[in-house]
Amino acid sequence: MLNHVTLSLMAFVFTLVAIAPLDAAEPRPSGVTATQLEGAPLTLSVSQIGRFSKGSSWHLSVNSAGQAELTVDTFPKRTRRRLLLSNKQLAEFRTALIEARFFDLESQYGQRVHDGSESTLTVTAGRHANTTRVYFLMNWINGDRSKLEEPSRAVRLLVMVRSWFDEPEAVDLREYDRMVLEAAEG
């Protein structure tokens, strides 16, 4: 007969097995197809936050009609600006989402470092949604470049989003992002 301690231990082990994360090396297929994304309404939430020597953190929210609001964390008061994305910009982003297989990306990439940045990209396409966070990737440029393959898919989308607005107060990390993309391709 099993005692209380044994039953508790078994329940704990079963719980660990049930919530254990998937192996990061295995792809995470979402089952989202290009056909499902083609006509689905898109909404985006994108941000780049951190402590920067030049520029401030920013947040961009875009609805399915292409109406966007950019919020820049300027001091002492945040700066807000409305934007309207063209149908062409939205179509190009939708194509880039499909090419990047965005809905198959993991929830985070990179290394969290002291005073590092965090870029977050959340996309909802119809009933499908995914969020990917990108942290410090520069160590991998000089080290194991194979680690850049998957995060570069998200970085490419972040570069595209940042090209939608010219706001001098908003941090612009595209110089570093391009270094990541070049290293991933080379």
N, C-alpha and C. Protein backbone atom coordinates (compact mmCIF):
# COMPACT_ATOMS: atom_id res chain seq x y z
N MET A 1 0.85 -1.18 0.00
CA MET A 1 0.00 0.00 0.00
C MET A 1 0.89 1.24 0.00
N LEU A 2 0.54 2.20 -0.83
CA LEU A 2 1.33 3.42 -0.95
C LEU A 2 0.98 4.38 0.17
N ASN A 3 2.03 4.97 0.75
CA ASN A 3 1.78 5.93 1.81
C ASN A 3 1.61 7.33 1.23
N HIS A 4 1.29 8.27 2.08
CA HIS A 4 1.01 9.66 1.68
C HIS A 4 2.23 10.32 1.02
N VAL A 5 3.43 10.09 1.55
CA VAL A 5 4.65 10.69 1.01
C VAL A 5 4.92 10.16 -0.40
N THR A 6 4.76 8.86 -0.60
CA THR A 6 4.99 8.27 -1.92
C THR A 6 3.99 8.82 -2.93
N LEU A 7 2.73 8.94 -2.55
CA LEU A 7 1.72 9.49 -3.46
C LEU A 7 2.02 10.94 -3.80
N SER A 8 2.44 11.71 -2.82
CA SER A 8 2.79 13.12 -3.07
C SER A 8 3.97 13.23 -4.02
N LEU A 9 4.97 12.38 -3.82
CA LEU A 9 6.14 12.38 -4.70
C LEU A 9 5.76 12.00 -6.12
N MET A 10 4.91 11.00 -6.26
CA MET A 10 4.46 10.60 -7.60
C MET A 10 3.69 11.73 -8.28
N ALA A 11 2.84 12.41 -7.55
CA ALA A 11 2.07 13.53 -8.11
C ALA A 11 3.01 14.64 -8.56
N PHE A 12 4.05 14.91 -7.77
CA PHE A 12 5.03 15.93 -8.12
C PHE A 12 5.76 15.58 -9.41
N VAL A 13 6.20 14.34 -9.53
CA VAL A 13 6.92 13.89 -10.73
C VAL A 13 6.01 13.97 -11.96
N PHE A 14 4.77 13.54 -11.84
CA PHE A 14 3.84 13.62 -12.97
C PHE A 14 3.60 15.07 -13.38
N THR A 15 3.53 15.97 -12.40
CA THR A 15 3.36 17.39 -12.69
C THR A 15 4.56 17.92 -13.44
N LEU A 16 5.77 17.56 -13.01
CA LEU A 16 6.98 18.01 -13.70
C LEU A 16 7.01 17.53 -15.14
N VAL A 17 6.64 16.29 -15.35
CA VAL A 17 6.63 15.74 -16.71
C VAL A 17 5.60 16.48 -17.56
N ALA A 18 4.47 16.80 -17.00
CA ALA A 18 3.40 17.45 -17.76
C ALA A 18 3.76 18.88 -18.15
N ILE A 19 4.54 19.59 -17.31
CA ILE A 19 4.84 20.99 -17.61
C ILE A 19 6.26 21.19 -18.11
N ALA A 20 7.01 20.13 -18.28
CA ALA A 20 8.40 20.28 -18.74
C ALA A 20 8.41 20.91 -20.13
N PRO A 21 9.31 21.88 -20.37
CA PRO A 21 9.36 22.53 -21.67
C PRO A 21 9.87 21.58 -22.74
N LEU A 22 9.46 21.85 -23.97
CA LEU A 22 9.96 21.08 -25.10
C LEU A 22 11.43 21.38 -25.30
N ASP A 23 12.15 20.44 -25.86
CA ASP A 23 13.56 20.65 -26.16
C ASP A 23 13.68 21.82 -27.13
N ALA A 24 14.51 22.82 -26.78
CA ALA A 24 14.66 24.03 -27.59
C ALA A 24 15.20 23.72 -28.98
N ALA A 25 15.89 22.61 -29.14
CA ALA A 25 16.47 22.28 -30.44
C ALA A 25 15.41 21.78 -31.42
N GLU A 26 14.29 21.32 -30.90
CA GLU A 26 13.24 20.82 -31.77
C GLU A 26 12.42 21.99 -32.29
N PRO A 27 12.06 21.97 -33.57
CA PRO A 27 11.22 23.05 -34.10
C PRO A 27 9.85 23.02 -33.46
N ARG A 28 9.24 24.17 -33.36
CA ARG A 28 7.93 24.30 -32.75
C ARG A 28 6.91 24.60 -33.84
N PRO A 29 6.46 23.58 -34.57
CA PRO A 29 5.53 23.85 -35.65
C PRO A 29 4.19 24.35 -35.11
N SER A 30 3.71 25.43 -35.66
CA SER A 30 2.47 26.02 -35.18
C SER A 30 1.26 25.47 -35.90
N GLY A 31 1.47 24.95 -37.09
CA GLY A 31 0.34 24.51 -37.89
C GLY A 31 -0.33 25.65 -38.63
N VAL A 32 0.21 26.88 -38.52
CA VAL A 32 -0.35 28.02 -39.22
C VAL A 32 0.21 28.02 -40.64
N THR A 33 -0.69 28.01 -41.60
CA THR A 33 -0.26 27.96 -43.00
C THR A 33 -0.31 29.34 -43.64
N ALA A 34 0.39 29.48 -44.75
CA ALA A 34 0.38 30.74 -45.50
C ALA A 34 -1.04 31.09 -45.93
N THR A 35 -1.82 30.10 -46.30
CA THR A 35 -3.20 30.34 -46.73
C THR A 35 -4.03 30.93 -45.60
N GLN A 36 -3.81 30.45 -44.37
CA GLN A 36 -4.54 30.98 -43.22
C GLN A 36 -4.16 32.42 -42.94
N LEU A 37 -2.93 32.80 -43.22
CA LEU A 37 -2.47 34.16 -42.93
C LEU A 37 -2.85 35.15 -44.02
N GLU A 38 -3.06 34.68 -45.24
CA GLU A 38 -3.26 35.58 -46.37
C GLU A 38 -4.43 36.54 -46.19
N GLY A 39 -5.56 36.09 -45.70
CA GLY A 39 -6.71 36.97 -45.57
C GLY A 39 -7.04 37.37 -44.15
N ALA A 40 -6.27 36.88 -43.19
CA ALA A 40 -6.59 37.12 -41.78
C ALA A 40 -6.28 38.57 -41.39
N PRO A 41 -7.12 39.18 -40.54
CA PRO A 41 -6.80 40.51 -40.04
C PRO A 41 -5.55 40.45 -39.16
N LEU A 42 -4.66 41.42 -39.34
CA LEU A 42 -3.41 41.46 -38.56
C LEU A 42 -3.46 42.57 -37.53
N THR A 43 -3.02 42.26 -36.32
CA THR A 43 -2.76 43.29 -35.33
C THR A 43 -1.37 43.05 -34.78
N LEU A 44 -0.67 44.14 -34.47
CA LEU A 44 0.71 44.03 -34.01
C LEU A 44 0.91 44.86 -32.75
N SER A 45 1.78 44.37 -31.92
CA SER A 45 2.29 45.12 -30.78
C SER A 45 3.80 44.90 -30.78
N VAL A 46 4.55 45.98 -30.91
CA VAL A 46 6.00 45.88 -31.04
C VAL A 46 6.62 46.88 -30.07
N SER A 47 7.71 46.47 -29.41
CA SER A 47 8.40 47.41 -28.53
C SER A 47 9.89 47.10 -28.49
N GLN A 48 10.64 48.15 -28.23
CA GLN A 48 12.07 48.01 -27.94
C GLN A 48 12.30 48.81 -26.67
N ILE A 49 12.67 48.07 -25.61
CA ILE A 49 12.84 48.72 -24.31
C ILE A 49 14.23 48.43 -23.77
N GLY A 50 14.72 49.36 -22.97
CA GLY A 50 16.03 49.20 -22.35
C GLY A 50 16.58 50.56 -21.96
N ARG A 51 17.82 50.55 -21.54
CA ARG A 51 18.54 51.79 -21.21
C ARG A 51 19.50 52.06 -22.35
N PHE A 52 19.25 53.11 -23.07
CA PHE A 52 20.03 53.39 -24.27
C PHE A 52 20.78 54.70 -24.12
N SER A 53 21.99 54.76 -24.71
CA SER A 53 22.75 56.00 -24.66
C SER A 53 22.17 57.03 -25.63
N LYS A 54 21.51 56.55 -26.68
CA LYS A 54 20.91 57.45 -27.67
C LYS A 54 19.52 56.92 -28.02
N GLY A 55 18.53 57.69 -27.70
CA GLY A 55 17.16 57.29 -28.00
C GLY A 55 16.47 56.67 -26.79
N SER A 56 15.16 56.65 -26.86
CA SER A 56 14.34 56.13 -25.77
C SER A 56 13.57 54.89 -26.22
N SER A 57 13.14 54.13 -25.24
CA SER A 57 12.30 52.95 -25.52
C SER A 57 11.05 53.39 -26.26
N TRP A 58 10.50 52.48 -27.06
CA TRP A 58 9.28 52.80 -27.80
C TRP A 58 8.36 51.60 -27.88
N HIS A 59 7.09 51.90 -28.15
CA HIS A 59 6.03 50.89 -28.25
C HIS A 59 5.15 51.28 -29.44
N LEU A 60 4.86 50.32 -30.29
CA LEU A 60 4.02 50.56 -31.46
C LEU A 60 2.87 49.57 -31.45
N SER A 61 1.68 50.09 -31.62
CA SER A 61 0.48 49.27 -31.69
C SER A 61 -0.18 49.54 -33.04
N VAL A 62 -0.48 48.46 -33.78
CA VAL A 62 -1.07 48.59 -35.12
C VAL A 62 -2.32 47.72 -35.19
N ASN A 63 -3.44 48.31 -35.62
CA ASN A 63 -4.65 47.51 -35.78
C ASN A 63 -4.76 47.01 -37.22
N SER A 64 -5.78 46.22 -37.49
CA SER A 64 -5.90 45.56 -38.79
C SER A 64 -6.18 46.54 -39.93
N ALA A 65 -6.60 47.76 -39.62
CA ALA A 65 -6.82 48.78 -40.65
C ALA A 65 -5.55 49.56 -40.94
N GLY A 66 -4.47 49.23 -40.23
CA GLY A 66 -3.20 49.93 -40.45
C GLY A 66 -3.05 51.19 -39.62
N GLN A 67 -4.00 51.45 -38.74
CA GLN A 67 -3.90 52.60 -37.85
C GLN A 67 -2.96 52.23 -36.71
N ALA A 68 -1.98 53.10 -36.49
CA ALA A 68 -0.95 52.79 -35.50
C ALA A 68 -0.76 53.94 -34.54
N GLU A 69 -0.31 53.59 -33.35
CA GLU A 69 0.09 54.60 -32.38
C GLU A 69 1.48 54.25 -31.88
N LEU A 70 2.37 55.21 -31.98
CA LEU A 70 3.73 55.07 -31.49
C LEU A 70 3.83 55.84 -30.18
N THR A 71 4.34 55.18 -29.15
CA THR A 71 4.58 55.83 -27.86
C THR A 71 6.07 55.73 -27.58
N VAL A 72 6.70 56.87 -27.35
CA VAL A 72 8.13 56.92 -27.05
C VAL A 72 8.27 57.36 -25.59
N ASP A 73 9.06 56.61 -24.83
CA ASP A 73 9.22 56.88 -23.40
C ASP A 73 10.18 58.04 -23.15
N THR A 74 9.81 59.21 -23.66
CA THR A 74 10.63 60.41 -23.44
C THR A 74 10.36 60.94 -22.04
N PHE A 75 11.30 61.72 -21.53
CA PHE A 75 11.18 62.28 -20.18
C PHE A 75 11.02 63.79 -20.30
N PRO A 76 10.18 64.41 -19.57
CA PRO A 76 9.39 63.91 -18.45
C PRO A 76 8.03 63.34 -18.87
N LYS A 77 7.66 63.53 -20.13
CA LYS A 77 6.35 63.07 -20.59
C LYS A 77 6.53 62.22 -21.84
N ARG A 78 5.80 61.12 -21.91
CA ARG A 78 5.86 60.27 -23.10
C ARG A 78 5.36 61.03 -24.33
N THR A 79 5.96 60.69 -25.47
CA THR A 79 5.55 61.27 -26.75
C THR A 79 4.67 60.25 -27.46
N ARG A 80 3.52 60.70 -27.93
CA ARG A 80 2.60 59.83 -28.67
C ARG A 80 2.40 60.40 -30.07
N ARG A 81 2.37 59.50 -31.03
CA ARG A 81 2.19 59.92 -32.41
C ARG A 81 1.34 58.87 -33.13
N ARG A 82 0.41 59.32 -33.92
CA ARG A 82 -0.42 58.41 -34.72
C ARG A 82 0.18 58.27 -36.11
N LEU A 83 0.09 57.05 -36.64
CA LEU A 83 0.59 56.74 -37.97
C LEU A 83 -0.49 55.98 -38.72
N LEU A 84 -0.41 56.00 -40.04
CA LEU A 84 -1.29 55.18 -40.85
C LEU A 84 -0.41 54.41 -41.83
N LEU A 85 -0.42 53.09 -41.70
CA LEU A 85 0.37 52.26 -42.60
C LEU A 85 -0.40 52.05 -43.90
N SER A 86 0.32 52.01 -44.99
CA SER A 86 -0.32 51.80 -46.29
C SER A 86 -0.67 50.32 -46.46
N ASN A 87 -1.56 50.06 -47.40
CA ASN A 87 -1.89 48.67 -47.73
C ASN A 87 -0.65 47.92 -48.20
N LYS A 88 0.23 48.63 -48.91
CA LYS A 88 1.46 48.01 -49.39
C LYS A 88 2.35 47.59 -48.22
N GLN A 89 2.49 48.46 -47.21
CA GLN A 89 3.30 48.11 -46.03
C GLN A 89 2.73 46.90 -45.31
N LEU A 90 1.41 46.87 -45.16
CA LEU A 90 0.78 45.73 -44.48
C LEU A 90 0.94 44.45 -45.29
N ALA A 91 0.81 44.55 -46.61
CA ALA A 91 0.98 43.37 -47.47
C ALA A 91 2.42 42.86 -47.42
N GLU A 92 3.38 43.78 -47.43
CA GLU A 92 4.79 43.38 -47.34
C GLU A 92 5.08 42.71 -45.99
N PHE A 93 4.48 43.24 -44.92
CA PHE A 93 4.69 42.64 -43.60
C PHE A 93 4.07 41.25 -43.54
N ARG A 94 2.88 41.10 -44.11
CA ARG A 94 2.22 39.79 -44.13
C ARG A 94 3.09 38.77 -44.87
N THR A 95 3.65 39.19 -46.01
CA THR A 95 4.55 38.31 -46.78
C THR A 95 5.78 37.96 -45.96
N ALA A 96 6.35 38.96 -45.27
CA ALA A 96 7.53 38.72 -44.44
C ALA A 96 7.21 37.77 -43.29
N LEU A 97 6.01 37.89 -42.71
CA LEU A 97 5.58 36.97 -41.64
C LEU A 97 5.58 35.53 -42.13
N ILE A 98 5.03 35.35 -43.33
CA ILE A 98 4.95 34.00 -43.90
C ILE A 98 6.34 33.46 -44.18
N GLU A 99 7.20 34.30 -44.81
CA GLU A 99 8.56 33.86 -45.14
C GLU A 99 9.37 33.55 -43.88
N ALA A 100 9.15 34.32 -42.82
CA ALA A 100 9.90 34.12 -41.57
C ALA A 100 9.33 32.98 -40.74
N ARG A 101 8.19 32.44 -41.15
CA ARG A 101 7.51 31.42 -40.35
C ARG A 101 7.40 31.90 -38.89
N PHE A 102 6.91 33.13 -38.75
CA PHE A 102 6.87 33.79 -37.45
C PHE A 102 6.13 32.97 -36.40
N PHE A 103 5.05 32.33 -36.78
CA PHE A 103 4.24 31.61 -35.79
C PHE A 103 4.90 30.32 -35.32
N ASP A 104 6.03 29.96 -35.92
CA ASP A 104 6.82 28.81 -35.47
C ASP A 104 7.96 29.22 -34.55
N LEU A 105 8.19 30.52 -34.39
CA LEU A 105 9.31 30.98 -33.56
C LEU A 105 9.04 30.74 -32.08
N GLU A 106 10.12 30.54 -31.34
CA GLU A 106 10.04 30.37 -29.89
C GLU A 106 9.67 31.70 -29.23
N SER A 107 9.41 31.66 -27.94
CA SER A 107 8.99 32.87 -27.22
C SER A 107 10.14 33.82 -26.92
N GLN A 108 11.38 33.32 -26.92
CA GLN A 108 12.50 34.24 -26.66
C GLN A 108 13.80 33.70 -27.22
N TYR A 109 14.67 34.65 -27.57
CA TYR A 109 15.99 34.34 -28.12
C TYR A 109 17.00 35.32 -27.53
N GLY A 110 18.23 34.87 -27.43
CA GLY A 110 19.31 35.75 -27.00
C GLY A 110 19.64 35.59 -25.53
N GLN A 111 20.48 36.49 -25.08
CA GLN A 111 20.96 36.45 -23.70
C GLN A 111 20.51 37.71 -22.98
N ARG A 112 19.98 37.53 -21.79
CA ARG A 112 19.64 38.69 -20.96
C ARG A 112 20.93 39.17 -20.31
N VAL A 113 21.25 40.42 -20.56
CA VAL A 113 22.46 41.00 -19.98
C VAL A 113 22.08 42.27 -19.23
N HIS A 114 22.91 42.62 -18.24
CA HIS A 114 22.69 43.84 -17.46
C HIS A 114 22.66 45.03 -18.41
N ASP A 115 21.67 45.86 -18.27
CA ASP A 115 21.48 47.05 -19.11
C ASP A 115 21.28 46.69 -20.58
N GLY A 116 20.84 45.48 -20.86
CA GLY A 116 20.56 45.08 -22.24
C GLY A 116 19.16 45.50 -22.64
N SER A 117 18.85 45.28 -23.89
CA SER A 117 17.54 45.66 -24.40
C SER A 117 16.66 44.42 -24.58
N GLU A 118 15.40 44.69 -24.77
CA GLU A 118 14.43 43.64 -25.06
C GLU A 118 13.53 44.14 -26.18
N SER A 119 13.51 43.42 -27.27
CA SER A 119 12.61 43.73 -28.38
C SER A 119 11.51 42.68 -28.38
N THR A 120 10.27 43.13 -28.38
CA THR A 120 9.14 42.23 -28.32
C THR A 120 8.26 42.45 -29.54
N LEU A 121 7.89 41.36 -30.18
CA LEU A 121 7.01 41.40 -31.35
C LEU A 121 5.87 40.43 -31.11
N THR A 122 4.66 40.97 -31.04
CA THR A 122 3.46 40.16 -30.90
C THR A 122 2.60 40.39 -32.13
N VAL A 123 2.19 39.31 -32.77
CA VAL A 123 1.34 39.40 -33.95
C VAL A 123 0.13 38.49 -33.75
N THR A 124 -1.03 39.05 -34.02
CA THR A 124 -2.25 38.27 -34.06
C THR A 124 -2.77 38.32 -35.48
N ALA A 125 -2.97 37.15 -36.05
CA ALA A 125 -3.51 37.02 -37.41
C ALA A 125 -4.75 36.14 -37.31
N GLY A 126 -5.90 36.78 -37.33
CA GLY A 126 -7.13 36.02 -37.13
C GLY A 126 -7.12 35.39 -35.75
N ARG A 127 -7.24 34.07 -35.69
CA ARG A 127 -7.26 33.39 -34.39
C ARG A 127 -5.88 32.90 -33.95
N HIS A 128 -4.85 33.21 -34.72
CA HIS A 128 -3.50 32.78 -34.41
C HIS A 128 -2.70 33.95 -33.82
N ALA A 129 -1.90 33.66 -32.80
CA ALA A 129 -1.08 34.70 -32.18
C ALA A 129 0.25 34.12 -31.73
N ASN A 130 1.27 34.96 -31.75
CA ASN A 130 2.58 34.55 -31.24
C ASN A 130 3.31 35.79 -30.75
N THR A 131 4.11 35.60 -29.72
CA THR A 131 4.97 36.65 -29.18
C THR A 131 6.39 36.11 -29.14
N THR A 132 7.32 36.91 -29.64
CA THR A 132 8.73 36.56 -29.59
C THR A 132 9.49 37.74 -29.00
N ARG A 133 10.37 37.43 -28.04
CA ARG A 133 11.23 38.45 -27.43
C ARG A 133 12.67 38.18 -27.86
N VAL A 134 13.35 39.25 -28.24
CA VAL A 134 14.74 39.14 -28.66
C VAL A 134 15.59 39.95 -27.69
N TYR A 135 16.58 39.29 -27.12
CA TYR A 135 17.51 39.92 -26.19
C TYR A 135 18.86 40.09 -26.89
N PHE A 136 19.91 40.21 -26.13
CA PHE A 136 21.26 40.48 -26.64
C PHE A 136 21.75 39.32 -27.51
N LEU A 137 22.09 39.62 -28.76
CA LEU A 137 22.56 38.60 -29.70
C LEU A 137 24.01 38.80 -30.13
N MET A 138 24.62 39.90 -29.73
CA MET A 138 25.94 40.26 -30.24
C MET A 138 27.02 39.23 -29.88
N ASN A 139 26.90 38.54 -28.75
CA ASN A 139 27.90 37.51 -28.39
C ASN A 139 27.92 36.38 -29.41
N TRP A 140 26.78 36.11 -30.01
CA TRP A 140 26.71 35.01 -30.97
C TRP A 140 27.30 35.39 -32.32
N ILE A 141 27.41 36.69 -32.60
CA ILE A 141 28.03 37.13 -33.86
C ILE A 141 29.49 36.69 -33.90
N ASN A 142 30.17 36.82 -32.77
CA ASN A 142 31.58 36.45 -32.69
C ASN A 142 31.79 35.01 -32.25
N GLY A 143 30.73 34.34 -31.91
CA GLY A 143 30.84 32.96 -31.43
C GLY A 143 30.13 32.00 -32.35
N ASP A 144 29.10 31.38 -31.82
CA ASP A 144 28.36 30.35 -32.55
C ASP A 144 27.27 31.00 -33.40
N ARG A 145 27.60 31.30 -34.64
CA ARG A 145 26.66 31.99 -35.53
C ARG A 145 25.44 31.15 -35.88
N SER A 146 25.54 29.85 -35.72
CA SER A 146 24.38 29.00 -36.02
C SER A 146 23.21 29.32 -35.09
N LYS A 147 23.50 29.87 -33.91
CA LYS A 147 22.45 30.25 -32.97
C LYS A 147 21.63 31.43 -33.48
N LEU A 148 22.13 32.13 -34.50
CA LEU A 148 21.44 33.31 -35.02
C LEU A 148 20.38 32.98 -36.06
N GLU A 149 20.36 31.75 -36.53
CA GLU A 149 19.46 31.39 -37.63
C GLU A 149 17.99 31.69 -37.30
N GLU A 150 17.50 31.18 -36.18
CA GLU A 150 16.10 31.41 -35.83
C GLU A 150 15.82 32.84 -35.39
N PRO A 151 16.61 33.41 -34.46
CA PRO A 151 16.28 34.78 -34.05
C PRO A 151 16.38 35.79 -35.19
N SER A 152 17.20 35.50 -36.20
CA SER A 152 17.31 36.45 -37.32
C SER A 152 15.98 36.58 -38.06
N ARG A 153 15.15 35.56 -38.00
CA ARG A 153 13.82 35.65 -38.62
C ARG A 153 12.98 36.72 -37.93
N ALA A 154 13.07 36.80 -36.61
CA ALA A 154 12.35 37.84 -35.88
C ALA A 154 13.01 39.20 -36.07
N VAL A 155 14.33 39.22 -36.08
CA VAL A 155 15.07 40.48 -36.25
C VAL A 155 14.72 41.13 -37.58
N ARG A 156 14.60 40.34 -38.62
CA ARG A 156 14.24 40.87 -39.95
C ARG A 156 12.88 41.59 -39.88
N LEU A 157 11.94 41.03 -39.15
CA LEU A 157 10.63 41.67 -38.98
C LEU A 157 10.74 42.95 -38.17
N LEU A 158 11.57 42.94 -37.13
CA LEU A 158 11.77 44.14 -36.31
C LEU A 158 12.37 45.28 -37.13
N VAL A 159 13.31 44.95 -38.01
CA VAL A 159 13.91 45.97 -38.88
C VAL A 159 12.83 46.58 -39.78
N MET A 160 11.97 45.74 -40.31
CA MET A 160 10.89 46.22 -41.17
C MET A 160 9.97 47.17 -40.41
N VAL A 161 9.57 46.77 -39.21
CA VAL A 161 8.68 47.60 -38.40
C VAL A 161 9.32 48.95 -38.10
N ARG A 162 10.61 48.93 -37.72
CA ARG A 162 11.28 50.20 -37.37
C ARG A 162 11.39 51.14 -38.57
N SER A 163 11.37 50.59 -39.77
CA SER A 163 11.44 51.43 -40.97
C SER A 163 10.12 52.18 -41.23
N TRP A 164 9.06 51.83 -40.53
CA TRP A 164 7.77 52.47 -40.74
C TRP A 164 7.69 53.87 -40.15
N PHE A 165 8.60 54.23 -39.27
CA PHE A 165 8.52 55.57 -38.66
C PHE A 165 9.90 56.18 -38.51
N ASP A 166 9.91 57.49 -38.62
CA ASP A 166 11.13 58.27 -38.44
C ASP A 166 10.91 59.16 -37.23
N GLU A 167 11.30 58.67 -36.09
CA GLU A 167 11.11 59.40 -34.84
C GLU A 167 12.46 59.48 -34.15
N PRO A 168 13.10 60.65 -34.17
CA PRO A 168 14.46 60.77 -33.63
C PRO A 168 14.59 60.42 -32.14
N GLU A 169 13.51 60.56 -31.39
CA GLU A 169 13.57 60.25 -29.95
C GLU A 169 13.50 58.75 -29.68
N ALA A 170 13.00 57.98 -30.64
CA ALA A 170 12.86 56.52 -30.47
C ALA A 170 14.18 55.84 -30.81
N VAL A 171 14.63 54.96 -29.93
CA VAL A 171 15.88 54.25 -30.18
C VAL A 171 15.77 53.50 -31.51
N ASP A 172 16.88 53.48 -32.23
CA ASP A 172 16.93 52.80 -33.52
C ASP A 172 18.08 51.79 -33.47
N LEU A 173 17.74 50.52 -33.34
CA LEU A 173 18.75 49.46 -33.21
C LEU A 173 19.05 48.77 -34.53
N ARG A 174 18.60 49.35 -35.64
CA ARG A 174 18.77 48.67 -36.93
C ARG A 174 20.23 48.46 -37.30
N GLU A 175 21.12 49.33 -36.88
CA GLU A 175 22.55 49.13 -37.17
C GLU A 175 23.02 47.80 -36.59
N TYR A 176 22.64 47.52 -35.35
CA TYR A 176 23.02 46.26 -34.69
C TYR A 176 22.24 45.09 -35.28
N ASP A 177 20.97 45.34 -35.59
CA ASP A 177 20.15 44.28 -36.18
C ASP A 177 20.72 43.83 -37.51
N ARG A 178 21.21 44.77 -38.30
CA ARG A 178 21.80 44.41 -39.60
C ARG A 178 23.07 43.58 -39.41
N MET A 179 23.82 43.87 -38.35
CA MET A 179 25.01 43.06 -38.05
C MET A 179 24.60 41.62 -37.75
N VAL A 180 23.52 41.45 -37.03
CA VAL A 180 23.00 40.11 -36.72
C VAL A 180 22.58 39.41 -38.01
N LEU A 181 21.86 40.13 -38.86
CA LEU A 181 21.38 39.53 -40.12
C LEU A 181 22.54 39.13 -41.02
N GLU A 182 23.56 39.98 -41.11
CA GLU A 182 24.74 39.66 -41.93
C GLU A 182 25.46 38.43 -41.39
N ALA A 183 25.61 38.35 -40.06
CA ALA A 183 26.29 37.20 -39.46
C ALA A 183 25.48 35.92 -39.66
N ALA A 184 24.16 36.03 -39.59
CA ALA A 184 23.31 34.85 -39.77
C ALA A 184 23.38 34.34 -41.21
N GLU A 185 23.53 35.25 -42.16
CA GLU A 185 23.59 34.86 -43.58
C GLU A 185 24.98 34.39 -43.98
N GLY A 186 26.00 34.90 -43.29
CA GLY A 186 27.39 34.60 -43.68
C GLY A 186 27.91 33.40 -43.05
